[in-house]
């Protein structure tokens, strides 16, 4: 694929949007890095071209997206985690205005930045992005909500739904480990997993049964595991893993397969490359997670967007 470059020098309006609540870093440490990025970008772009905007609360994101659209911003740099990136891009898409996007890793989970090989060092980051290399990033949609890296329903989404913002802030990834252990104790110590899902691929007639489902849009899952080696942010395909067992021993085995990045070695795990999934559950409104946040619920319709967003990375 030929490399395409954006003419950054011709941008009239650039906005660096940071989520002051993202990540495990102390606020002062995060702000020092953000300010360093801002200063270096001003040197490259000129002080009139770039502004620094703050997200204090997630419910501010729709208005921030509308302001970006109204001001015809050429380039939006998002400093935050995957949840912040997902939410802001979703709102920009809803405004039907998608400028160039870049991400600076500053969140609890930074799978988008990891796959794009974006450094957390301000000098290295600015040097990289100001080359203007365009990277196409395809978006997934689950019940109309955007996701970039992963969607899931079942054990992992129940864990995500159980983690509070305070736990995420104070414990970072340990919050998920703690809630996962608690969920295993509550749901699987004395009985089998009671939740069941039915999944259909690409409008086929057959429905497949599962106890949990992970849908990969990126090669990474849960911070470090490479579950779907052919998946990519720049690929217009979804990769679905259906976990079919419902016993405690099954879930322990599945966790080992994830840790060893070996889903294909377990015959009880069904893997498919698809454009669309439909998922229904035996209980109403079972939480589904998108890019690490519980955003929607079953029943689910998961599809790919046809036109990619242009990232500078």
Foldseek 3Di string as FASTA:
>chain_A
DDWDFDPLQPFQAEEEEEEQLFDQDDSVVLVVLVVLLVVVVCVVHNPRHYDYHYDDDLVCLLVVLVVCVVVVGQEYEYEHAQVSVQSNVLSVVVVVHFHAYHYAYGHLAHQVCVQVVADNHSVVNNVQLVRGTKAFFWWKAKVSGTFGWKKKFALQQVLLAPQDSVCCRNVRLVSSVVSSVVCCCVQAPPDWHPKKKWKDFPPDPDTDIARMKMKGQDQDDSRHFRQDVPHHRRDQKIKMKGQHDTHSVSVVVVVVCRVVSNQVVDPNIDIDIGFKMFMAMPDPFRFMDGSSHRDGGPRIIMGIDPGTRIYRD
